[in-house]
Amino acid sequence: MQARLGGSLVKRVSTEQSRLVRHEAQRAEILDAAAAAIAEHGFHGMTMRGLSRATGRGLASFYNYFSSKEDLLFSLQTDAFETMTSSVKAALEGIEEHVERLYVFVLNHLRYSAEHRSVMRVLVHEASALPAGRRKTVRLLKEGYFNICRNIVADILAAGCNSPGAEGTASLDPAEVERVTYSVFGMLNWSYGWYDPKQHGTPQDVARTIHALAVCGLVARCPNRLAQGNLERYLGAIAPPPLVGKPARKVAAVSNRLPGAGKKSTAGAGVPARLMDRNTV
């Protein structure tokens, strides 16, 4: 009799587990379909009835998974950031080299973006649609994900990449680390808008491109950097044009007062020749 009771209990547990697995799978399908609808029409342009129709569910069935469209959007955003965070942490395990870690982070993000383009569009464009309390929860998840990349960027800036002319720096500027990290995310987050595998290759191809741009920008002692300060000093003498109107005459008049103005230069259109001298500091 005990054997029969034990078998019955195992069967009930197995049935319950199967039900939970099916429920989670159906919930994931609803979120994917809802993300496509929100990406196309906007969060405020959708109703619960419209979302249920877009996901192929009856309204009553839809309410079994989400009590409101706000609840759905919150789940969509938290699930996305939790998935990206857990997957990149797993992918980074055992990888010690900082430059390699950045590639893994970039590739992981791009793979998710390529597979869930509608979700990425919702994350970018509907970040402020939630009420304050839920926005804070999502923001904390974002910060955790952001800090993984930020720490990698800081490590590369500090250590370099062991290539000639690509040494690290002894003192890190926290503001520079922040700027660079946001710049990396700028490249990553907007890839959903232009990436086409037929035209741009695989996510690995895009990852190599972004990784090269980021790493070479982080550690290479490019001579262009030496010219930046000189260029900024000259451009600082030019009054910025108004947003509307016809500023060409005023800018031209100011430009004529710059050193080297009026001389022809093959180094760059409208820029004094010595500005393009990469050895000039």
Protein backbone atom coordinates (compact mmCIF):
# COMPACT_ATOMS: atom_id res chain seq x y z
CA MET A 1 0.00 0.00 0.00
CA GLN A 2 2.86 2.35 0.81
CA ALA A 3 4.27 1.67 -2.67
CA ARG A 4 0.93 2.65 -4.23
CA LEU A 5 0.80 5.85 -2.15
CA GLY A 6 4.37 6.70 -3.06
CA GLY A 7 3.70 6.11 -6.72
CA SER A 8 0.58 8.26 -6.59
CA LEU A 9 2.51 11.11 -4.95
CA VAL A 10 5.29 10.97 -7.56
CA LYS A 11 2.69 11.03 -10.31
CA ARG A 12 0.98 14.09 -8.82
CA VAL A 13 4.32 15.90 -8.46
CA SER A 14 5.26 15.02 -12.03
CA THR A 15 1.88 16.23 -13.31
CA GLU A 16 2.25 19.51 -11.42
CA GLN A 17 5.76 20.04 -12.77
CA SER A 18 4.55 19.40 -16.30
CA ARG A 19 1.74 21.90 -15.80
CA LEU A 20 4.19 24.54 -14.55
CA VAL A 21 6.51 23.92 -17.48
CA ARG A 22 3.63 24.33 -19.94
CA HIS A 23 2.45 27.47 -18.14
CA GLU A 24 5.91 29.07 -18.33
CA ALA A 25 6.29 28.12 -21.99
CA GLN A 26 2.91 29.65 -22.82
CA ARG A 27 3.75 32.75 -20.77
CA ALA A 28 6.99 33.16 -22.75
CA GLU A 29 5.08 32.83 -26.03
CA ILE A 30 2.62 35.51 -24.89
CA LEU A 31 5.46 37.88 -23.93
CA ASP A 32 7.16 37.44 -27.32
CA ALA A 33 3.94 38.06 -29.23
CA ALA A 34 3.02 41.02 -27.00
CA ALA A 35 6.49 42.52 -27.51
CA ALA A 36 5.95 42.46 -31.27
CA ALA A 37 2.58 44.20 -30.88
CA ILE A 38 3.93 46.86 -28.50
CA ALA A 39 6.97 47.44 -30.72
CA GLU A 40 4.65 48.13 -33.66
CA HIS A 41 1.88 50.14 -31.97
CA GLY A 42 3.49 51.46 -28.79
CA PHE A 43 2.55 50.55 -25.23
CA HIS A 44 -0.09 53.26 -24.93
CA GLY A 45 -1.54 52.29 -28.29
CA MET A 46 -2.45 48.80 -27.08
CA THR A 47 -5.31 47.60 -24.91
CA MET A 48 -5.62 44.32 -23.05
CA ARG A 49 -8.11 43.16 -25.68
CA GLY A 50 -5.71 44.13 -28.44
CA LEU A 51 -2.82 42.37 -26.72
CA SER A 52 -4.85 39.21 -26.17
CA ARG A 53 -5.83 39.25 -29.86
CA ALA A 54 -2.21 39.81 -30.92
CA THR A 55 -1.06 36.86 -28.82
CA GLY A 56 -3.79 34.54 -30.06
CA ARG A 57 -5.47 34.25 -26.68
CA GLY A 58 -8.96 34.91 -25.52
CA LEU A 59 -9.27 37.82 -23.12
CA ALA A 60 -10.22 35.59 -20.19
CA SER A 61 -7.28 33.28 -20.88
CA PHE A 62 -4.96 36.26 -21.19
CA TYR A 63 -5.92 37.47 -17.71
CA ASN A 64 -4.76 34.11 -16.32
CA TYR A 65 -1.21 35.21 -17.10
CA PHE A 66 -1.25 39.00 -16.68
CA SER A 67 -3.65 41.14 -14.69
CA SER A 68 -3.00 44.31 -16.73
CA LYS A 69 -0.92 45.55 -19.63
CA GLU A 70 1.31 47.29 -17.08
CA ASP A 71 1.89 43.91 -15.46
CA LEU A 72 2.80 42.48 -18.86
CA LEU A 73 5.25 45.30 -19.65
CA PHE A 74 6.86 44.94 -16.22
CA SER A 75 7.28 41.20 -16.74
CA LEU A 76 8.68 41.77 -20.21
CA GLN A 77 11.33 44.18 -18.96
CA THR A 78 12.32 42.27 -15.82
CA ASP A 79 12.46 38.94 -17.66
CA ALA A 80 14.66 40.46 -20.37
CA PHE A 81 17.22 41.99 -18.02
CA GLU A 82 17.28 38.94 -15.76
CA THR A 83 17.84 36.69 -18.78
CA MET A 84 20.61 38.87 -20.24
CA THR A 85 22.32 39.18 -16.86
CA SER A 86 22.22 35.49 -15.98
CA SER A 87 23.30 34.40 -19.46
CA VAL A 88 26.27 36.78 -19.65
CA LYS A 89 27.40 35.81 -16.14
CA ALA A 90 27.36 32.16 -17.19
CA ALA A 91 29.20 32.96 -20.43
CA LEU A 92 31.91 34.91 -18.57
CA GLU A 93 32.69 32.12 -16.11
CA GLY A 94 36.30 30.97 -16.45
CA ILE A 95 37.32 33.82 -18.78
CA GLU A 96 40.02 35.95 -17.17
CA GLU A 97 41.39 38.07 -20.03
CA HIS A 98 39.63 41.46 -19.96
CA VAL A 99 39.58 41.96 -23.74
CA GLU A 100 38.07 38.51 -24.21
CA ARG A 101 35.48 39.25 -21.54
CA LEU A 102 34.37 42.34 -23.44
CA TYR A 103 33.92 40.27 -26.61
CA VAL A 104 31.82 37.73 -24.71
CA PHE A 105 29.65 40.52 -23.28
CA VAL A 106 29.18 42.17 -26.69
CA LEU A 107 28.37 38.89 -28.43
CA ASN A 108 25.93 37.79 -25.73
CA HIS A 109 24.05 41.10 -25.99
CA LEU A 110 23.95 41.01 -29.79
CA ARG A 111 22.71 37.44 -29.88
CA TYR A 112 19.85 38.33 -27.56
CA SER A 113 19.09 41.44 -29.61
CA ALA A 114 19.07 39.47 -32.88
CA GLU A 115 16.75 36.82 -31.48
CA HIS A 116 14.43 39.24 -29.66
CA ARG A 117 14.37 42.42 -31.74
CA SER A 118 10.89 43.42 -30.65
CA VAL A 119 11.83 42.98 -27.00
CA MET A 120 14.89 45.22 -27.50
CA ARG A 121 12.73 47.89 -29.14
CA VAL A 122 10.36 47.79 -26.17
CA LEU A 123 13.26 48.01 -23.69
CA VAL A 124 14.64 51.08 -25.47
CA HIS A 125 11.41 52.94 -26.18
CA GLU A 126 9.06 52.00 -23.34
CA ALA A 127 11.42 52.39 -20.38
CA SER A 128 9.38 55.23 -18.89
CA ALA A 129 5.91 53.73 -19.37
CA LEU A 130 5.83 52.03 -15.98
CA PRO A 131 4.92 53.76 -12.68
CA ALA A 132 7.73 54.94 -10.42
CA GLY A 133 7.88 51.91 -8.14
CA ARG A 134 8.19 49.42 -10.95
CA ARG A 135 10.56 51.67 -12.89
CA LYS A 136 12.88 51.56 -9.87
CA THR A 137 12.85 47.75 -9.90
CA VAL A 138 13.69 47.69 -13.60
CA ARG A 139 16.35 50.37 -13.12
CA LEU A 140 18.11 48.27 -10.49
CA LEU A 141 18.20 45.33 -12.90
CA LYS A 142 19.56 47.62 -15.62
CA GLU A 143 22.25 48.93 -13.31
CA GLY A 144 23.35 45.40 -12.44
CA TYR A 145 23.68 44.56 -16.13
CA PHE A 146 25.36 47.88 -16.90
CA ASN A 147 27.90 47.38 -14.13
CA ILE A 148 29.07 44.08 -15.58
CA CYS A 149 30.11 45.92 -18.73
CA ARG A 150 31.39 48.91 -16.78
CA ASN A 151 33.74 46.74 -14.73
CA ILE A 152 35.12 45.12 -17.88
CA VAL A 153 35.70 48.54 -19.45
CA ALA A 154 37.48 49.75 -16.31
CA ASP A 155 39.70 46.65 -16.30
CA ILE A 156 40.71 47.22 -19.94
CA LEU A 157 41.42 50.90 -19.36
CA ALA A 158 43.59 50.00 -16.37
CA ALA A 159 45.45 47.03 -17.86
CA GLY A 160 45.52 47.71 -21.61
CA CYS A 161 45.64 44.74 -23.97
CA ASN A 162 49.35 43.75 -23.94
CA SER A 163 49.92 45.12 -27.44
CA PRO A 164 52.57 47.72 -28.38
CA GLY A 165 51.20 51.20 -27.78
CA ALA A 166 48.19 49.82 -25.95
CA GLU A 167 49.25 50.02 -22.34
CA GLY A 168 46.83 50.73 -19.53
CA THR A 169 46.56 53.80 -17.39
CA ALA A 170 47.67 54.14 -13.79
CA SER A 171 44.76 56.32 -12.71
CA LEU A 172 41.21 55.82 -13.90
CA ASP A 173 38.81 58.71 -14.36
CA PRO A 174 35.38 57.40 -13.21
CA ALA A 175 33.64 59.83 -15.55
CA GLU A 176 35.61 58.47 -18.51
CA VAL A 177 34.76 54.89 -17.56
CA GLU A 178 31.10 55.91 -17.44
CA ARG A 179 31.26 57.70 -20.80
CA VAL A 180 32.95 54.78 -22.51
CA THR A 181 30.51 52.25 -21.07
CA TYR A 182 27.51 54.26 -22.24
CA SER A 183 29.15 54.56 -25.66
CA VAL A 184 29.51 50.78 -25.88
CA PHE A 185 25.84 50.37 -24.98
CA GLY A 186 24.98 53.02 -27.57
CA MET A 187 26.47 50.76 -30.24
CA LEU A 188 24.83 47.65 -28.81
CA ASN A 189 21.33 48.89 -28.07
CA TRP A 190 20.64 50.46 -31.45
CA SER A 191 21.79 47.45 -33.47
CA TYR A 192 18.20 46.16 -33.44
CA GLY A 193 17.26 49.08 -35.69
CA TRP A 194 19.75 48.43 -38.48
CA TYR A 195 21.02 44.86 -38.15
CA ASP A 196 20.07 42.65 -41.10
CA PRO A 197 21.78 39.23 -41.20
CA LYS A 198 21.56 39.14 -45.01
CA GLN A 199 23.48 42.39 -45.25
CA HIS A 200 25.60 42.52 -42.10
CA GLY A 201 26.45 38.88 -41.41
CA THR A 202 26.04 36.93 -38.21
CA PRO A 203 25.89 38.36 -34.69
CA GLN A 204 29.50 37.16 -34.38
CA ASP A 205 30.48 39.37 -37.35
CA VAL A 206 28.82 42.41 -35.78
CA ALA A 207 30.35 41.55 -32.40
CA ARG A 208 33.85 41.53 -33.90
CA THR A 209 33.27 44.95 -35.46
CA ILE A 210 31.93 46.57 -32.28
CA HIS A 211 34.55 44.82 -30.15
CA ALA A 212 37.37 46.13 -32.35
CA LEU A 213 35.98 49.67 -32.26
CA ALA A 214 35.65 49.56 -28.48
CA VAL A 215 38.99 47.93 -27.64
CA CYS A 216 41.09 49.98 -30.07
CA GLY A 217 39.37 53.12 -28.83
CA LEU A 218 40.00 52.14 -25.22
CA VAL A 219 43.68 51.27 -25.29
CA ALA A 220 45.41 52.33 -28.52
CA ARG A 221 47.61 55.43 -28.29
CA CYS A 222 46.34 56.68 -31.62
CA PRO A 223 48.10 59.88 -32.86
CA ASN A 224 44.67 61.34 -33.55
CA ARG A 225 44.28 61.78 -29.81
CA LEU A 226 47.28 64.10 -29.77
CA ALA A 227 45.59 66.35 -32.30
CA GLN A 228 42.27 66.51 -30.42
CA GLY A 229 43.32 69.19 -27.96
CA ASN A 230 44.75 71.35 -30.74
CA LEU A 231 41.60 70.93 -32.82
CA GLU A 232 39.32 71.79 -29.90
CA ARG A 233 41.27 74.98 -29.20
CA TYR A 234 40.72 76.19 -32.76
CA LEU A 235 37.08 75.15 -32.90
CA GLY A 236 36.50 76.89 -29.59
CA ALA A 237 37.11 80.19 -31.35
CA ILE A 238 34.18 79.57 -33.68
CA ALA A 239 30.83 80.81 -32.44
CA PRO A 240 28.28 77.96 -32.69
CA PRO A 241 25.67 78.63 -35.37
CA PRO A 242 22.02 79.11 -34.38
CA LEU A 243 19.66 76.19 -34.79
CA VAL A 244 17.66 78.15 -37.39
CA GLY A 245 18.55 80.91 -39.79
CA LYS A 246 21.52 81.43 -42.07
CA PRO A 247 24.72 81.19 -40.02
CA ALA A 248 27.17 80.58 -42.88
CA ARG A 249 28.31 84.22 -43.21
CA LYS A 250 28.94 84.64 -39.48
CA VAL A 251 30.85 81.35 -39.17
CA ALA A 252 32.92 82.18 -42.23
CA ALA A 253 33.81 85.58 -40.77
CA VAL A 254 34.97 84.02 -37.52
CA SER A 255 36.83 81.26 -39.36
CA ASN A 256 38.84 83.86 -41.26
CA ARG A 257 40.37 84.97 -37.98
CA LEU A 258 41.82 81.52 -37.30
CA PRO A 259 45.55 80.91 -37.81
CA GLY A 260 46.18 79.60 -41.30
CA ALA A 261 42.84 80.88 -42.61
CA GLY A 262 42.81 81.58 -46.31
CA LYS A 263 45.60 79.08 -47.03
CA LYS A 264 44.88 76.03 -49.10
CA SER A 265 45.20 72.74 -47.30
CA THR A 266 45.13 69.20 -48.57
CA ALA A 267 44.94 67.84 -45.05
CA GLY A 268 41.24 68.46 -44.53
CA ALA A 269 38.49 70.67 -45.88
CA GLY A 270 38.00 73.83 -43.82
CA VAL A 271 40.65 72.85 -41.25
CA PRO A 272 44.06 74.57 -40.99
CA ALA A 273 46.85 72.29 -42.22
CA ARG A 274 48.62 72.04 -38.89
CA LEU A 275 45.46 70.78 -37.21
CA MET A 276 45.94 67.60 -39.16
CA ASP A 277 49.53 67.22 -37.99
CA ARG A 278 49.16 64.25 -35.65
CA ASN A 279 52.44 65.01 -33.93
CA THR A 280 51.28 68.47 -32.87
CA VAL A 281 50.08 68.72 -29.29
